[in-house]
Protein backbone atom coordinates (compact mmCIF):
# COMPACT_ATOMS: atom_id res chain seq x y z
CA MET A 1 88.70 -79.04 -47.21
CA ILE A 2 89.32 -78.49 -43.51
CA GLY A 3 92.80 -78.95 -42.06
CA LEU A 4 93.23 -79.55 -38.32
CA ASP A 5 96.53 -79.44 -36.43
CA LEU A 6 96.34 -80.98 -32.96
CA GLY A 7 99.15 -80.33 -30.50
CA GLY A 8 99.46 -80.78 -26.78
CA THR A 9 98.55 -77.16 -26.05
CA LYS A 10 96.75 -75.83 -29.15
CA ILE A 11 94.39 -76.84 -31.93
CA ALA A 12 94.65 -74.94 -35.22
CA ALA A 13 91.93 -75.23 -37.87
CA SER A 14 91.65 -73.79 -41.37
CA LEU A 15 89.31 -73.96 -44.30
CA VAL A 16 91.49 -74.38 -47.39
CA GLY A 17 90.41 -73.76 -50.97
CA ALA A 18 91.02 -76.09 -53.91
CA ASP A 19 94.03 -73.98 -54.94
CA GLY A 20 95.64 -74.29 -51.50
CA THR A 21 94.61 -70.82 -50.29
CA VAL A 22 93.91 -70.63 -46.56
CA LEU A 23 90.44 -69.07 -46.34
CA THR A 24 89.90 -69.08 -42.57
CA ARG A 25 91.98 -69.63 -39.44
CA HIS A 26 90.81 -70.62 -35.98
CA THR A 27 92.71 -71.65 -32.86
CA ARG A 28 91.67 -72.89 -29.44
CA PRO A 29 93.41 -74.54 -26.48
CA THR A 30 93.71 -78.32 -26.42
CA PRO A 31 91.83 -79.74 -23.40
CA ALA A 32 94.74 -82.13 -22.94
CA GLY A 33 94.06 -83.03 -19.32
CA GLU A 34 90.37 -83.78 -19.84
CA GLY A 35 90.69 -87.03 -21.79
CA ALA A 36 90.41 -88.18 -25.37
CA GLU A 37 86.66 -87.63 -25.76
CA LYS A 38 87.00 -83.97 -24.82
CA VAL A 39 89.90 -83.59 -27.24
CA LEU A 40 87.75 -85.06 -30.02
CA ASP A 41 84.94 -82.68 -29.05
CA ALA A 42 87.36 -79.74 -29.27
CA LEU A 43 88.61 -80.87 -32.68
CA ALA A 44 85.03 -81.01 -33.96
CA GLU A 45 84.26 -77.57 -32.53
CA ALA A 46 87.40 -76.13 -34.14
CA ALA A 47 86.42 -77.60 -37.51
CA ARG A 48 82.95 -76.08 -37.29
CA ALA A 49 84.40 -72.71 -36.33
CA ALA A 50 86.72 -72.76 -39.35
CA ASP A 51 83.86 -73.76 -41.68
CA PRO A 52 80.71 -72.02 -40.40
CA GLN A 53 78.91 -72.49 -43.74
CA ASP A 54 79.63 -76.24 -43.72
CA VAL A 55 81.07 -76.27 -47.24
CA ALA A 56 84.02 -78.61 -46.74
CA ALA A 57 83.77 -82.07 -48.29
CA ALA A 58 86.28 -83.75 -45.96
CA VAL A 59 88.59 -83.16 -43.01
CA GLY A 60 92.30 -83.88 -42.62
CA VAL A 61 93.87 -84.13 -39.17
CA ALA A 62 97.54 -83.70 -38.33
CA ALA A 63 97.75 -85.04 -34.78
CA ALA A 64 100.32 -85.45 -32.06
CA GLY A 65 101.24 -89.03 -31.27
CA VAL A 66 101.98 -92.11 -33.33
CA ILE A 67 99.13 -92.35 -35.83
CA ASP A 68 98.14 -95.34 -37.94
CA PRO A 69 96.36 -93.64 -40.86
CA VAL A 70 94.97 -96.87 -42.29
CA ARG A 71 93.06 -97.73 -39.10
CA GLY A 72 92.70 -94.09 -38.06
CA VAL A 73 93.96 -94.92 -34.59
CA VAL A 74 96.45 -93.32 -32.19
CA THR A 75 98.82 -96.21 -31.51
CA SER A 76 101.03 -94.41 -29.00
CA ALA A 77 101.27 -91.00 -27.31
CA THR A 78 103.23 -89.18 -24.62
CA ASP A 79 101.91 -87.74 -21.37
CA ALA A 80 101.34 -84.42 -23.15
CA LEU A 81 97.94 -85.91 -24.10
CA PRO A 82 96.93 -88.28 -21.28
CA GLY A 83 94.70 -91.10 -22.48
CA TRP A 84 95.29 -90.29 -26.14
CA ALA A 85 96.89 -93.65 -26.99
CA GLY A 86 94.33 -96.07 -28.38
CA THR A 87 91.89 -93.36 -29.47
CA ARG A 88 89.93 -94.05 -32.65
CA LEU A 89 90.71 -90.60 -33.97
CA ALA A 90 89.24 -90.80 -37.47
CA ASP A 91 86.03 -92.61 -36.50
CA GLY A 92 85.50 -90.42 -33.45
CA LEU A 93 85.84 -87.20 -35.41
CA SER A 94 83.89 -88.33 -38.48
CA SER A 95 80.94 -89.35 -36.30
CA ARG A 96 80.96 -85.92 -34.63
CA LEU A 97 81.17 -83.97 -37.89
CA GLY A 98 79.28 -86.23 -40.29
CA SER A 99 82.19 -85.88 -42.73
CA PRO A 100 84.91 -88.23 -43.98
CA VAL A 101 88.23 -87.88 -42.14
CA ALA A 102 91.85 -88.72 -42.96
CA CYS A 103 94.56 -88.48 -40.30
CA ASP A 104 98.29 -88.79 -39.77
CA ASN A 105 101.07 -87.73 -37.43
CA ASP A 106 101.53 -83.95 -37.24
CA VAL A 107 105.21 -83.98 -38.25
CA ARG A 108 104.55 -86.20 -41.26
CA ALA A 109 101.71 -83.91 -42.31
CA ALA A 110 103.96 -80.85 -42.06
CA ALA A 111 106.52 -82.66 -44.21
CA TYR A 112 104.12 -83.22 -47.11
CA PRO A 113 104.41 -79.64 -48.49
CA GLU A 114 108.20 -80.04 -48.38
CA LEU A 115 107.98 -83.31 -50.31
CA LEU A 116 105.70 -81.76 -52.92
CA ALA A 117 108.15 -78.87 -53.33
CA ALA A 118 110.99 -81.34 -53.90
CA GLY A 119 109.29 -82.67 -57.03
CA PRO A 120 107.96 -86.01 -58.30
CA ASP A 121 109.77 -89.12 -57.09
CA ALA A 122 111.86 -87.11 -54.62
CA SER A 123 113.22 -88.50 -51.36
CA LEU A 124 113.06 -86.40 -48.21
CA LEU A 125 114.43 -86.48 -44.69
CA TYR A 126 112.48 -84.16 -42.37
CA ALA A 127 113.25 -83.46 -38.71
CA ALA A 128 111.21 -81.40 -36.27
CA VAL A 129 113.30 -80.40 -33.26
CA GLY A 130 111.33 -78.81 -30.45
CA THR A 131 109.94 -80.01 -27.12
CA GLY A 132 110.54 -83.46 -28.57
CA ILE A 133 112.17 -84.66 -31.76
CA GLY A 134 109.96 -86.01 -34.51
CA GLY A 135 110.55 -86.71 -38.13
CA ALA A 136 109.32 -88.00 -41.44
CA VAL A 137 110.95 -89.99 -44.22
CA ALA A 138 109.86 -90.14 -47.85
CA ALA A 139 111.38 -92.30 -50.57
CA ASP A 140 110.74 -91.97 -54.30
CA GLY A 141 107.90 -89.54 -53.78
CA ARG A 142 106.10 -91.64 -51.17
CA MET A 143 105.88 -90.87 -47.47
CA LEU A 144 106.80 -93.89 -45.35
CA HIS A 145 104.48 -94.88 -42.51
CA GLY A 146 105.80 -98.26 -41.44
CA ALA A 147 104.21 -100.68 -39.01
CA GLY A 148 101.62 -98.90 -36.88
CA GLY A 149 102.57 -95.53 -38.35
CA LEU A 150 105.89 -95.49 -36.47
CA ALA A 151 108.22 -94.56 -39.34
CA GLY A 152 110.16 -91.32 -38.98
CA HIS A 153 110.60 -91.11 -35.21
CA LEU A 154 114.15 -89.81 -35.44
CA GLY A 155 114.31 -88.74 -31.81
CA HIS A 156 114.51 -92.35 -30.68
CA LEU A 157 117.67 -93.31 -32.48
CA ALA A 158 120.65 -94.06 -30.25
CA SER A 159 123.04 -91.13 -29.79
CA PRO A 160 126.47 -91.38 -28.13
CA GLU A 161 126.00 -87.90 -26.61
CA ALA A 162 122.88 -89.17 -24.79
CA GLU A 163 124.44 -92.29 -23.27
CA GLY A 164 122.77 -93.07 -19.94
CA LEU A 165 120.22 -90.27 -20.20
CA PRO A 166 116.54 -91.24 -19.78
CA CYS A 167 114.31 -90.65 -22.80
CA THR A 168 110.61 -89.76 -22.80
CA CYS A 169 109.86 -93.13 -24.44
CA GLY A 170 111.10 -94.97 -21.33
CA SER A 171 114.43 -96.09 -22.78
CA THR A 172 117.83 -94.40 -22.39
CA GLY A 173 120.46 -92.93 -24.68
CA HIS A 174 118.19 -91.63 -27.42
CA LEU A 175 118.74 -88.42 -29.39
CA GLU A 176 115.72 -86.71 -27.84
CA ALA A 177 117.33 -87.06 -24.40
CA VAL A 178 120.18 -84.71 -25.36
CA ALA A 179 118.99 -82.67 -28.33
CA SER A 180 115.39 -81.54 -27.73
CA GLY A 181 114.79 -78.05 -26.35
CA PRO A 182 114.20 -79.25 -22.77
CA ALA A 183 117.15 -81.65 -23.02
CA ILE A 184 119.58 -78.91 -24.08
CA THR A 185 118.29 -76.75 -21.23
CA ALA A 186 118.75 -79.61 -18.75
CA LEU A 187 122.26 -80.27 -20.08
CA TYR A 188 123.15 -76.64 -19.45
CA ARG A 189 121.85 -76.83 -15.88
CA ARG A 190 123.92 -79.96 -15.19
CA ARG A 191 127.10 -78.50 -16.62
CA SER A 192 126.81 -74.99 -15.22
CA GLY A 193 125.00 -75.49 -11.93
CA ARG A 194 122.82 -72.50 -12.87
CA THR A 195 119.05 -72.41 -13.14
CA ALA A 196 117.32 -72.14 -16.51
CA THR A 197 113.79 -73.10 -17.45
CA ARG A 198 113.65 -72.33 -21.16
CA LEU A 199 115.98 -72.87 -24.11
CA GLU A 200 115.71 -69.19 -24.98
CA GLU A 201 117.42 -68.37 -21.68
CA VAL A 202 120.29 -70.69 -22.57
CA ALA A 203 120.55 -69.16 -26.04
CA GLY A 204 120.67 -65.66 -24.57
CA ARG A 205 123.45 -66.63 -22.19
CA ALA A 206 125.35 -68.27 -25.04
CA ALA A 207 125.11 -65.01 -27.01
CA ASP A 208 126.55 -63.21 -23.96
CA GLY A 209 129.56 -65.52 -23.93
CA ASP A 210 128.52 -68.18 -21.38
CA ARG A 211 130.76 -71.12 -22.32
CA GLN A 212 128.56 -73.81 -20.75
CA ALA A 213 125.52 -72.45 -22.57
CA ARG A 214 127.37 -72.56 -25.90
CA ASP A 215 128.61 -76.08 -25.19
CA ALA A 216 125.11 -77.35 -24.35
CA ILE A 217 123.66 -75.92 -27.56
CA VAL A 218 126.52 -77.21 -29.70
CA THR A 219 126.30 -80.68 -28.12
CA GLY A 220 122.59 -80.95 -28.96
CA ALA A 221 123.09 -79.57 -32.46
CA ARG A 222 126.01 -81.86 -33.26
CA ALA A 223 124.14 -84.91 -31.98
CA THR A 224 121.25 -84.10 -34.31
CA GLY A 225 123.57 -83.38 -37.23
CA ARG A 226 125.35 -86.72 -36.85
CA ILE A 227 122.09 -88.66 -36.76
CA LEU A 228 120.77 -86.85 -39.82
CA GLY A 229 124.04 -87.32 -41.68
CA GLY A 230 123.99 -91.06 -41.04
CA LEU A 231 120.39 -91.28 -42.18
CA ALA A 232 121.24 -89.28 -45.30
CA ASN A 233 123.86 -91.89 -46.19
CA THR A 234 121.15 -94.54 -45.88
CA LEU A 235 118.35 -92.74 -47.72
CA ALA A 236 120.29 -90.49 -50.15
CA PRO A 237 117.58 -87.83 -49.98
CA HIS A 238 117.13 -84.98 -52.41
CA ARG A 239 116.31 -82.65 -49.51
CA VAL A 240 116.98 -82.59 -45.78
CA VAL A 241 114.72 -80.21 -43.85
CA VAL A 242 115.11 -79.27 -40.19
CA GLY A 243 112.17 -77.46 -38.62
CA GLY A 244 110.76 -76.89 -35.15
CA GLY A 245 111.49 -74.27 -32.56
CA VAL A 246 115.04 -75.25 -31.58
CA PRO A 247 116.76 -74.33 -34.89
CA ARG A 248 115.29 -70.86 -34.59
CA ILE A 249 117.58 -70.00 -31.67
CA GLY A 250 120.23 -68.89 -34.14
CA ARG A 251 123.40 -69.47 -36.08
CA LEU A 252 125.35 -71.16 -33.29
CA TYR A 253 122.92 -74.09 -33.37
CA GLN A 254 122.43 -74.10 -37.14
CA ASP A 255 126.14 -74.00 -37.97
CA ALA A 256 127.03 -76.74 -35.47
CA LEU A 257 124.29 -79.00 -36.86
CA ALA A 258 125.34 -78.37 -40.47
CA ASP A 259 129.01 -79.02 -39.71
CA ALA A 260 128.27 -82.31 -37.96
CA PHE A 261 125.89 -83.35 -40.73
CA THR A 262 128.44 -82.64 -43.46
CA ALA A 263 131.18 -84.52 -41.64
CA GLU A 264 129.11 -87.72 -41.76
CA LEU A 265 128.29 -87.66 -45.47
CA MET A 266 129.67 -90.07 -48.02
CA ALA A 267 131.45 -88.37 -50.92
CA PRO A 268 128.60 -88.59 -53.47
CA LEU A 269 126.39 -86.60 -51.08
CA HIS A 270 128.81 -83.73 -50.53
CA GLY A 271 126.95 -80.50 -51.16
CA LEU A 272 123.73 -81.72 -49.52
CA LEU A 273 122.86 -79.37 -46.66
CA PRO A 274 120.00 -79.19 -44.14
CA THR A 275 117.56 -76.39 -44.95
CA ALA A 276 114.74 -74.65 -43.11
CA PRO A 277 111.14 -75.49 -44.06
CA LEU A 278 109.77 -73.63 -47.07
CA SER A 279 106.26 -73.49 -45.64
CA GLY A 280 105.33 -71.21 -42.76
CA PRO A 281 102.98 -71.56 -39.79
CA ASP A 282 100.24 -73.07 -41.98
CA ALA A 283 102.41 -76.09 -42.88
CA ALA A 284 100.60 -78.61 -40.68
CA VAL A 285 97.06 -77.59 -41.69
CA LEU A 286 98.04 -77.52 -45.37
CA GLY A 287 99.62 -80.93 -44.96
CA ALA A 288 96.48 -82.13 -43.17
CA VAL A 289 94.38 -81.12 -46.17
CA HIS A 290 96.76 -83.03 -48.43
CA LEU A 291 96.10 -86.17 -46.36
CA VAL A 292 92.53 -86.22 -47.67
CA ARG A 293 93.87 -86.75 -51.20
CA ILE A 294 96.33 -89.56 -50.48
CA LEU A 295 95.29 -91.48 -47.35
CA PRO A 296 92.26 -93.65 -46.55
CA LEU A 297 89.10 -91.71 -45.73
CA HIS A 298 87.12 -92.84 -42.70
CA HIS A 299 83.42 -92.25 -43.20
CA PRO A 300 80.73 -91.59 -40.53
CA GLY A 301 79.21 -94.75 -39.17
CA ALA A 302 81.60 -97.08 -40.95
CA HIS A 303 82.56 -98.91 -37.73
CA GLN A 304 79.38 -98.59 -35.72
């Protein structure tokens, strides 16, 4: 099988054996500003590069945006991929490759290996905290997709810490507006009056004792922890996984998130803690391959 991971800046492709071994790896830039057809062309080229002998029976795609896997359509997307919303992802790629295609949201795909590791009939709460905040929810061993593939978008839950702040979705007061990497950086700039363009700069200043930098990081971490704790009370998951680039800035963030999460939990859930993903950088492509086994396959020419 071929697994494809489409992000706003990069496409990763791998040929994966039946035992889950990654046999090849290929990456190329995403032609994000050139429109959906060029993105589909690049996905097809990446798949061919990862499988030069054309041995794969099917292709799984983990894609940015809100994905409806039943229709194989991108139902919504941010400006990171202009013109991506409305794209017939599965049909467009299967017609280019002549192979059946299954597709889903990239965060949900990355969560599948975590769900499999949790065991049969497990429930999972998965958050990806980076440039944005995405998520996935699984109950009783089954990943939830919801209407139009929208289930799991944790970044667009209301957060008191984000009151009045504009969100990328067009609303205000959502978690992503205070707890994503860019949002924490912007919060630091507002509070300190100093310039900063990257979260890593803020983390470095926090490590050097900058109080406003520490406060900005802790505010974002606590906001995320509270949201996840409340969701844990609703779902009662066996595992809570927090991935993405933001948690990797260090213990200050991780400890603040864990403390806020624990403070929200009902007594029967005490002892449940957020953990880092078990899978490494291949998580999304491995999850994409898994999509082929569990989601509808879209075959070449089916909608012509």
